[in-house]
Amino acid sequence: MLELEFSIRIDQSKEKVWITLWDKQSFRDWANNIDEGTYLKGDLVEGNEIQFISSVNGYGVTSLVAELIPNQYILFKHAADTQNTGAETRDKQWTGGSESYTLVEENNSTLLTIRSEIPEELVDYFNQAMPIALNRIKELAENTI
């Protein structure tokens, strides 16, 4: 796996950006730009396992919420690749990887940085898809009440 880093400045508080990232509805909206139909299953609590699953193909990943500082930082450790809407394990494409979201507020805006370990065969795809997802996060955070 290769670690990729993506950042965007959002003209909104870190609390608003955090809500945009993890609210079930807005998560589905922006994550759809990475993997169509992706939704989050589980509660974002440190120590919990959650699942990122595509409602289109049923594939996903089960991840441990390894570290959580609300409105500032979250670290996921990908524990298992899944299929059949998270019910069965599959190939280990993402297993063992990590993904973090860091929010730093400064001068009435927030710098969102996402670091993700990506399987080598998906690096080109993520280099195209992630900036689109980041722009959607920005749009959602800045244009909703």
N, C-alpha and C. Protein backbone atom coordinates (compact mmCIF):
# COMPACT_ATOMS: atom_id res chain seq x y z
N MET A 1 0.84 -1.19 0.00
CA MET A 1 0.00 0.00 0.00
C MET A 1 0.88 1.24 0.00
N LEU A 2 0.34 2.29 -0.59
CA LEU A 2 1.03 3.58 -0.60
C LEU A 2 0.18 4.60 0.16
N GLU A 3 0.84 5.46 0.92
CA GLU A 3 0.11 6.49 1.65
C GLU A 3 -0.06 7.71 0.76
N LEU A 4 -1.30 8.15 0.62
CA LEU A 4 -1.61 9.36 -0.11
C LEU A 4 -2.15 10.38 0.87
N GLU A 5 -1.94 11.67 0.56
CA GLU A 5 -2.44 12.75 1.40
C GLU A 5 -3.17 13.75 0.53
N PHE A 6 -4.34 14.16 1.00
CA PHE A 6 -5.17 15.12 0.29
C PHE A 6 -5.62 16.18 1.29
N SER A 7 -5.63 17.45 0.88
CA SER A 7 -6.05 18.54 1.77
C SER A 7 -6.92 19.52 1.01
N ILE A 8 -7.76 20.20 1.79
CA ILE A 8 -8.58 21.28 1.24
C ILE A 8 -8.90 22.26 2.37
N ARG A 9 -8.92 23.53 2.03
CA ARG A 9 -9.32 24.56 3.00
C ARG A 9 -10.81 24.83 2.80
N ILE A 10 -11.54 24.83 3.91
CA ILE A 10 -12.99 24.99 3.90
C ILE A 10 -13.36 26.20 4.75
N ASP A 11 -14.13 27.11 4.20
CA ASP A 11 -14.52 28.33 4.91
C ASP A 11 -15.69 28.03 5.84
N GLN A 12 -15.34 27.31 6.90
CA GLN A 12 -16.34 26.90 7.89
C GLN A 12 -15.58 26.42 9.14
N SER A 13 -16.27 26.38 10.26
CA SER A 13 -15.65 25.91 11.50
C SER A 13 -15.34 24.42 11.42
N LYS A 14 -14.39 23.98 12.24
CA LYS A 14 -14.06 22.55 12.23
C LYS A 14 -15.23 21.71 12.71
N GLU A 15 -16.08 22.26 13.59
CA GLU A 15 -17.26 21.53 14.04
C GLU A 15 -18.22 21.27 12.87
N LYS A 16 -18.41 22.26 12.03
CA LYS A 16 -19.29 22.12 10.87
C LYS A 16 -18.70 21.13 9.86
N VAL A 17 -17.40 21.19 9.65
CA VAL A 17 -16.75 20.26 8.73
C VAL A 17 -16.87 18.83 9.27
N TRP A 18 -16.68 18.66 10.56
CA TRP A 18 -16.79 17.34 11.19
C TRP A 18 -18.19 16.76 10.98
N ILE A 19 -19.20 17.57 11.21
CA ILE A 19 -20.58 17.11 10.99
C ILE A 19 -20.78 16.73 9.53
N THR A 20 -20.25 17.52 8.62
CA THR A 20 -20.37 17.22 7.19
C THR A 20 -19.70 15.89 6.86
N LEU A 21 -18.56 15.63 7.46
CA LEU A 21 -17.86 14.37 7.21
C LEU A 21 -18.66 13.16 7.69
N TRP A 22 -19.24 13.24 8.88
CA TRP A 22 -19.73 12.03 9.54
C TRP A 22 -21.23 11.93 9.72
N ASP A 23 -21.99 12.97 9.40
CA ASP A 23 -23.44 12.83 9.37
C ASP A 23 -23.79 11.78 8.32
N LYS A 24 -24.67 10.86 8.65
CA LYS A 24 -24.96 9.73 7.75
C LYS A 24 -25.36 10.18 6.35
N GLN A 25 -26.20 11.21 6.25
CA GLN A 25 -26.66 11.67 4.94
C GLN A 25 -25.55 12.37 4.15
N SER A 26 -24.84 13.30 4.78
CA SER A 26 -23.79 14.01 4.05
C SER A 26 -22.62 13.07 3.75
N PHE A 27 -22.34 12.09 4.63
CA PHE A 27 -21.29 11.11 4.33
C PHE A 27 -21.62 10.37 3.04
N ARG A 28 -22.86 9.90 2.91
CA ARG A 28 -23.27 9.20 1.69
C ARG A 28 -23.07 10.08 0.45
N ASP A 29 -23.36 11.36 0.61
CA ASP A 29 -23.24 12.30 -0.51
C ASP A 29 -21.80 12.41 -0.99
N TRP A 30 -20.88 12.77 -0.10
CA TRP A 30 -19.50 12.99 -0.55
C TRP A 30 -18.76 11.68 -0.84
N ALA A 31 -19.03 10.63 -0.06
CA ALA A 31 -18.34 9.35 -0.27
C ALA A 31 -18.77 8.68 -1.57
N ASN A 32 -19.93 9.04 -2.08
CA ASN A 32 -20.41 8.51 -3.36
C ASN A 32 -19.45 8.85 -4.49
N ASN A 33 -18.66 9.90 -4.32
CA ASN A 33 -17.67 10.28 -5.32
C ASN A 33 -16.45 9.36 -5.33
N ILE A 34 -16.29 8.57 -4.28
CA ILE A 34 -15.17 7.63 -4.19
C ILE A 34 -15.63 6.23 -4.57
N ASP A 35 -16.73 5.79 -3.97
CA ASP A 35 -17.26 4.46 -4.25
C ASP A 35 -18.79 4.58 -4.20
N GLU A 36 -19.41 4.42 -5.35
CA GLU A 36 -20.84 4.65 -5.49
C GLU A 36 -21.65 3.90 -4.44
N GLY A 37 -22.55 4.63 -3.80
CA GLY A 37 -23.46 4.04 -2.84
C GLY A 37 -22.88 3.77 -1.47
N THR A 38 -21.69 4.29 -1.18
CA THR A 38 -21.04 4.00 0.10
C THR A 38 -21.79 4.64 1.26
N TYR A 39 -21.97 3.83 2.30
CA TYR A 39 -22.56 4.32 3.54
C TYR A 39 -21.75 3.80 4.71
N LEU A 40 -21.99 4.42 5.87
CA LEU A 40 -21.28 4.10 7.10
C LEU A 40 -22.23 3.36 8.02
N LYS A 41 -21.78 2.22 8.54
CA LYS A 41 -22.60 1.40 9.43
C LYS A 41 -21.86 1.29 10.77
N GLY A 42 -22.49 1.75 11.84
CA GLY A 42 -21.89 1.69 13.16
C GLY A 42 -21.75 3.08 13.75
N ASP A 43 -21.30 3.12 14.99
CA ASP A 43 -21.15 4.37 15.72
C ASP A 43 -19.69 4.76 15.81
N LEU A 44 -19.41 6.02 15.51
CA LEU A 44 -18.04 6.52 15.58
C LEU A 44 -17.66 6.80 17.03
N VAL A 45 -17.21 5.74 17.70
CA VAL A 45 -16.77 5.80 19.09
C VAL A 45 -15.41 5.10 19.13
N GLU A 46 -14.44 5.73 19.78
CA GLU A 46 -13.12 5.12 19.86
C GLU A 46 -13.22 3.70 20.41
N GLY A 47 -12.58 2.77 19.72
CA GLY A 47 -12.62 1.37 20.11
C GLY A 47 -13.68 0.56 19.39
N ASN A 48 -14.64 1.22 18.77
CA ASN A 48 -15.70 0.53 18.01
C ASN A 48 -15.19 0.09 16.65
N GLU A 49 -15.81 -0.97 16.15
CA GLU A 49 -15.64 -1.33 14.75
C GLU A 49 -16.80 -0.74 13.97
N ILE A 50 -16.51 -0.18 12.82
CA ILE A 50 -17.54 0.36 11.93
C ILE A 50 -17.30 -0.25 10.55
N GLN A 51 -18.28 -0.08 9.68
CA GLN A 51 -18.12 -0.59 8.32
C GLN A 51 -18.42 0.50 7.32
N PHE A 52 -17.59 0.55 6.28
CA PHE A 52 -17.83 1.36 5.10
C PHE A 52 -18.28 0.36 4.04
N ILE A 53 -19.51 0.50 3.54
CA ILE A 53 -20.07 -0.50 2.63
C ILE A 53 -20.69 0.20 1.43
N SER A 54 -20.52 -0.39 0.24
CA SER A 54 -21.18 0.09 -0.97
C SER A 54 -22.53 -0.59 -1.10
N SER A 55 -23.58 0.19 -1.18
CA SER A 55 -24.92 -0.39 -1.37
C SER A 55 -25.09 -0.88 -2.80
N VAL A 56 -24.17 -0.51 -3.69
CA VAL A 56 -24.25 -0.93 -5.09
C VAL A 56 -23.72 -2.35 -5.27
N ASN A 57 -22.53 -2.63 -4.71
CA ASN A 57 -21.95 -3.96 -4.92
C ASN A 57 -21.81 -4.78 -3.63
N GLY A 58 -22.13 -4.20 -2.47
CA GLY A 58 -22.07 -4.93 -1.21
C GLY A 58 -20.67 -5.11 -0.65
N TYR A 59 -19.65 -4.61 -1.36
CA TYR A 59 -18.28 -4.71 -0.87
C TYR A 59 -18.01 -3.58 0.11
N GLY A 60 -17.07 -3.84 1.02
CA GLY A 60 -16.73 -2.81 1.98
C GLY A 60 -15.52 -3.19 2.79
N VAL A 61 -15.34 -2.44 3.87
CA VAL A 61 -14.24 -2.70 4.78
C VAL A 61 -14.73 -2.46 6.21
N THR A 62 -14.32 -3.35 7.10
CA THR A 62 -14.58 -3.19 8.52
C THR A 62 -13.35 -2.53 9.12
N SER A 63 -13.57 -1.45 9.87
CA SER A 63 -12.45 -0.68 10.40
C SER A 63 -12.62 -0.43 11.89
N LEU A 64 -11.51 -0.38 12.59
CA LEU A 64 -11.48 -0.03 14.00
C LEU A 64 -11.32 1.48 14.10
N VAL A 65 -12.13 2.12 14.93
CA VAL A 65 -11.92 3.53 15.24
C VAL A 65 -10.79 3.54 16.28
N ALA A 66 -9.56 3.67 15.81
CA ALA A 66 -8.38 3.51 16.65
C ALA A 66 -8.12 4.73 17.54
N GLU A 67 -8.45 5.90 17.03
CA GLU A 67 -8.26 7.14 17.80
C GLU A 67 -9.32 8.14 17.36
N LEU A 68 -9.86 8.85 18.33
CA LEU A 68 -10.91 9.82 18.02
C LEU A 68 -10.82 11.01 18.96
N ILE A 69 -10.63 12.18 18.36
CA ILE A 69 -10.71 13.45 19.07
C ILE A 69 -11.79 14.23 18.33
N PRO A 70 -13.01 14.29 18.87
CA PRO A 70 -14.12 14.92 18.14
C PRO A 70 -13.75 16.30 17.60
N ASN A 71 -14.18 16.54 16.37
CA ASN A 71 -13.98 17.81 15.66
C ASN A 71 -12.53 18.09 15.29
N GLN A 72 -11.62 17.12 15.54
CA GLN A 72 -10.21 17.35 15.24
C GLN A 72 -9.54 16.22 14.49
N TYR A 73 -9.79 14.97 14.92
CA TYR A 73 -8.98 13.88 14.37
C TYR A 73 -9.69 12.54 14.54
N ILE A 74 -9.59 11.71 13.50
CA ILE A 74 -10.05 10.34 13.61
C ILE A 74 -9.10 9.46 12.80
N LEU A 75 -8.78 8.30 13.39
CA LEU A 75 -7.91 7.33 12.74
C LEU A 75 -8.63 6.00 12.66
N PHE A 76 -8.75 5.49 11.44
CA PHE A 76 -9.34 4.18 11.20
C PHE A 76 -8.22 3.21 10.86
N LYS A 77 -8.28 2.01 11.44
CA LYS A 77 -7.40 0.91 11.08
C LYS A 77 -8.29 -0.14 10.41
N HIS A 78 -8.02 -0.40 9.14
CA HIS A 78 -8.85 -1.32 8.38
C HIS A 78 -8.56 -2.76 8.79
N ALA A 79 -9.56 -3.42 9.36
CA ALA A 79 -9.38 -4.74 9.96
C ALA A 79 -9.73 -5.88 9.02
N ALA A 80 -10.72 -5.68 8.14
CA ALA A 80 -11.13 -6.78 7.25
C ALA A 80 -11.87 -6.23 6.04
N ASP A 81 -11.59 -6.81 4.89
CA ASP A 81 -12.36 -6.52 3.68
C ASP A 81 -13.61 -7.40 3.72
N THR A 82 -14.75 -6.84 3.27
CA THR A 82 -16.00 -7.59 3.38
C THR A 82 -16.76 -7.59 2.06
N GLN A 83 -17.73 -8.47 2.01
CA GLN A 83 -18.67 -8.54 0.88
C GLN A 83 -20.03 -8.92 1.44
N ASN A 84 -21.02 -8.97 0.57
CA ASN A 84 -22.39 -9.27 1.00
C ASN A 84 -22.84 -8.33 2.11
N THR A 85 -22.70 -7.03 1.85
CA THR A 85 -23.08 -5.96 2.77
C THR A 85 -22.43 -6.11 4.14
N GLY A 86 -21.17 -6.49 4.12
CA GLY A 86 -20.39 -6.57 5.34
C GLY A 86 -20.51 -7.88 6.09
N ALA A 87 -21.28 -8.85 5.56
CA ALA A 87 -21.54 -10.10 6.28
C ALA A 87 -20.42 -11.12 6.15
N GLU A 88 -19.63 -11.05 5.09
CA GLU A 88 -18.58 -12.04 4.85
C GLU A 88 -17.27 -11.34 4.55
N THR A 89 -16.17 -12.01 4.88
CA THR A 89 -14.87 -11.46 4.53
C THR A 89 -14.54 -11.82 3.08
N ARG A 90 -13.61 -11.06 2.51
CA ARG A 90 -13.17 -11.30 1.13
C ARG A 90 -11.68 -11.04 1.05
N ASP A 91 -11.17 -10.90 -0.15
CA ASP A 91 -9.74 -10.63 -0.35
C ASP A 91 -9.26 -9.50 0.56
N LYS A 92 -8.00 -9.45 0.83
CA LYS A 92 -7.44 -8.51 1.80
C LYS A 92 -6.86 -7.26 1.14
N GLN A 93 -7.59 -6.67 0.23
CA GLN A 93 -7.11 -5.50 -0.50
C GLN A 93 -6.84 -4.32 0.44
N TRP A 94 -7.72 -4.06 1.41
CA TRP A 94 -7.60 -2.92 2.31
C TRP A 94 -7.13 -3.31 3.71
N THR A 95 -7.24 -4.58 4.07
CA THR A 95 -6.91 -5.04 5.41
C THR A 95 -5.50 -4.64 5.80
N GLY A 96 -5.38 -4.08 7.00
CA GLY A 96 -4.08 -3.65 7.51
C GLY A 96 -3.74 -2.20 7.22
N GLY A 97 -4.51 -1.57 6.37
CA GLY A 97 -4.27 -0.16 6.05
C GLY A 97 -4.87 0.76 7.10
N SER A 98 -4.59 2.03 6.96
CA SER A 98 -5.17 3.03 7.87
C SER A 98 -5.63 4.24 7.07
N GLU A 99 -6.47 5.03 7.72
CA GLU A 99 -7.01 6.24 7.10
C GLU A 99 -7.27 7.24 8.22
N SER A 100 -6.80 8.47 8.05
CA SER A 100 -7.01 9.49 9.09
C SER A 100 -7.56 10.77 8.48
N TYR A 101 -8.31 11.48 9.30
CA TYR A 101 -8.91 12.77 8.95
C TYR A 101 -8.49 13.75 10.04
N THR A 102 -7.81 14.83 9.64
CA THR A 102 -7.34 15.84 10.57
C THR A 102 -7.96 17.18 10.20
N LEU A 103 -8.52 17.88 11.20
CA LEU A 103 -9.14 19.19 10.98
C LEU A 103 -8.41 20.22 11.84
N VAL A 104 -7.91 21.27 11.20
CA VAL A 104 -7.22 22.35 11.90
C VAL A 104 -7.91 23.65 11.52
N GLU A 105 -8.46 24.32 12.53
CA GLU A 105 -9.17 25.59 12.30
C GLU A 105 -8.22 26.75 12.49
N GLU A 106 -8.30 27.71 11.54
CA GLU A 106 -7.46 28.89 11.60
C GLU A 106 -8.12 30.01 10.81
N ASN A 107 -8.28 31.17 11.42
CA ASN A 107 -8.84 32.34 10.76
C ASN A 107 -10.19 32.05 10.09
N ASN A 108 -11.12 31.48 10.84
CA ASN A 108 -12.48 31.22 10.38
C ASN A 108 -12.58 30.23 9.22
N SER A 109 -11.55 29.40 9.05
CA SER A 109 -11.63 28.34 8.07
C SER A 109 -10.96 27.09 8.64
N THR A 110 -11.18 25.97 7.99
CA THR A 110 -10.64 24.70 8.47
C THR A 110 -9.85 24.02 7.36
N LEU A 111 -8.66 23.58 7.71
CA LEU A 111 -7.87 22.77 6.79
C LEU A 111 -8.19 21.30 7.11
N LEU A 112 -8.77 20.62 6.13
CA LEU A 112 -9.06 19.19 6.24
C LEU A 112 -7.97 18.44 5.50
N THR A 113 -7.32 17.51 6.20
CA THR A 113 -6.30 16.67 5.60
C THR A 113 -6.69 15.21 5.80
N ILE A 114 -6.70 14.48 4.70
CA ILE A 114 -7.00 13.05 4.74
C ILE A 114 -5.74 12.31 4.30
N ARG A 115 -5.30 11.39 5.14
CA ARG A 115 -4.17 10.52 4.82
C ARG A 115 -4.73 9.09 4.75
N SER A 116 -4.42 8.41 3.68
CA SER A 116 -4.97 7.08 3.48
C SER A 116 -3.96 6.17 2.82
N GLU A 117 -3.86 4.96 3.35
CA GLU A 117 -3.04 3.93 2.72
C GLU A 117 -3.91 3.26 1.66
N ILE A 118 -3.46 3.33 0.43
CA ILE A 118 -4.24 2.90 -0.73
C ILE A 118 -3.54 1.71 -1.39
N PRO A 119 -4.30 0.66 -1.74
CA PRO A 119 -3.69 -0.42 -2.52
C PRO A 119 -3.09 0.15 -3.80
N GLU A 120 -1.90 -0.32 -4.16
CA GLU A 120 -1.17 0.25 -5.29
C GLU A 120 -1.99 0.30 -6.57
N GLU A 121 -2.82 -0.71 -6.81
CA GLU A 121 -3.59 -0.74 -8.05
C GLU A 121 -4.71 0.31 -8.08
N LEU A 122 -4.98 0.97 -6.95
CA LEU A 122 -6.04 1.98 -6.89
C LEU A 122 -5.52 3.41 -6.73
N VAL A 123 -4.20 3.59 -6.73
CA VAL A 123 -3.62 4.91 -6.51
C VAL A 123 -4.09 5.91 -7.56
N ASP A 124 -4.02 5.57 -8.83
CA ASP A 124 -4.45 6.49 -9.88
C ASP A 124 -5.92 6.86 -9.71
N TYR A 125 -6.75 5.87 -9.40
CA TYR A 125 -8.17 6.13 -9.20
C TYR A 125 -8.38 7.12 -8.05
N PHE A 126 -7.72 6.90 -6.92
CA PHE A 126 -7.91 7.79 -5.77
C PHE A 126 -7.34 9.17 -6.02
N ASN A 127 -6.28 9.26 -6.78
CA ASN A 127 -5.74 10.58 -7.13
C ASN A 127 -6.74 11.39 -7.96
N GLN A 128 -7.63 10.73 -8.66
CA GLN A 128 -8.69 11.42 -9.41
C GLN A 128 -9.94 11.63 -8.56
N ALA A 129 -10.35 10.59 -7.82
CA ALA A 129 -11.64 10.63 -7.10
C ALA A 129 -11.59 11.46 -5.82
N MET A 130 -10.49 11.40 -5.08
CA MET A 130 -10.46 12.07 -3.78
C MET A 130 -10.57 13.60 -3.89
N PRO A 131 -9.92 14.27 -4.84
CA PRO A 131 -10.14 15.72 -4.95
C PRO A 131 -11.60 16.07 -5.25
N ILE A 132 -12.30 15.24 -6.00
CA ILE A 132 -13.72 15.47 -6.26
C ILE A 132 -14.51 15.34 -4.96
N ALA A 133 -14.19 14.31 -4.17
CA ALA A 133 -14.86 14.12 -2.88
C ALA A 133 -14.57 15.29 -1.94
N LEU A 134 -13.33 15.76 -1.90
CA LEU A 134 -12.98 16.89 -1.04
C LEU A 134 -13.74 18.15 -1.45
N ASN A 135 -13.84 18.39 -2.74
CA ASN A 135 -14.61 19.55 -3.20
C ASN A 135 -16.08 19.43 -2.81
N ARG A 136 -16.61 18.22 -2.82
CA ARG A 136 -18.00 18.02 -2.40
C ARG A 136 -18.16 18.27 -0.90
N ILE A 137 -17.20 17.83 -0.10
CA ILE A 137 -17.22 18.11 1.34
C ILE A 137 -17.24 19.62 1.57
N LYS A 138 -16.37 20.32 0.85
CA LYS A 138 -16.29 21.78 0.97
C LYS A 138 -17.64 22.42 0.61
N GLU A 139 -18.20 21.99 -0.50
CA GLU A 139 -19.48 22.54 -0.95
C GLU A 139 -20.58 22.28 0.08
N LEU A 140 -20.65 21.06 0.59
CA LEU A 140 -21.67 20.73 1.59
C LEU A 140 -21.49 21.54 2.87
N ALA A 141 -20.25 21.65 3.35
CA ALA A 141 -19.98 22.35 4.62
C ALA A 141 -20.25 23.85 4.50
N GLU A 142 -19.90 24.42 3.35
CA GLU A 142 -20.03 25.87 3.20
C GLU A 142 -21.44 26.31 2.83
N ASN A 143 -22.24 25.41 2.27
CA ASN A 143 -23.54 25.82 1.75
C ASN A 143 -24.75 25.25 2.48
N THR A 144 -24.53 24.60 3.61
CA THR A 144 -25.67 24.13 4.39
C THR A 144 -25.66 24.83 5.74
N ILE A 145 -26.83 24.94 6.29
CA ILE A 145 -26.97 25.66 7.57
C ILE A 145 -26.65 24.75 8.72
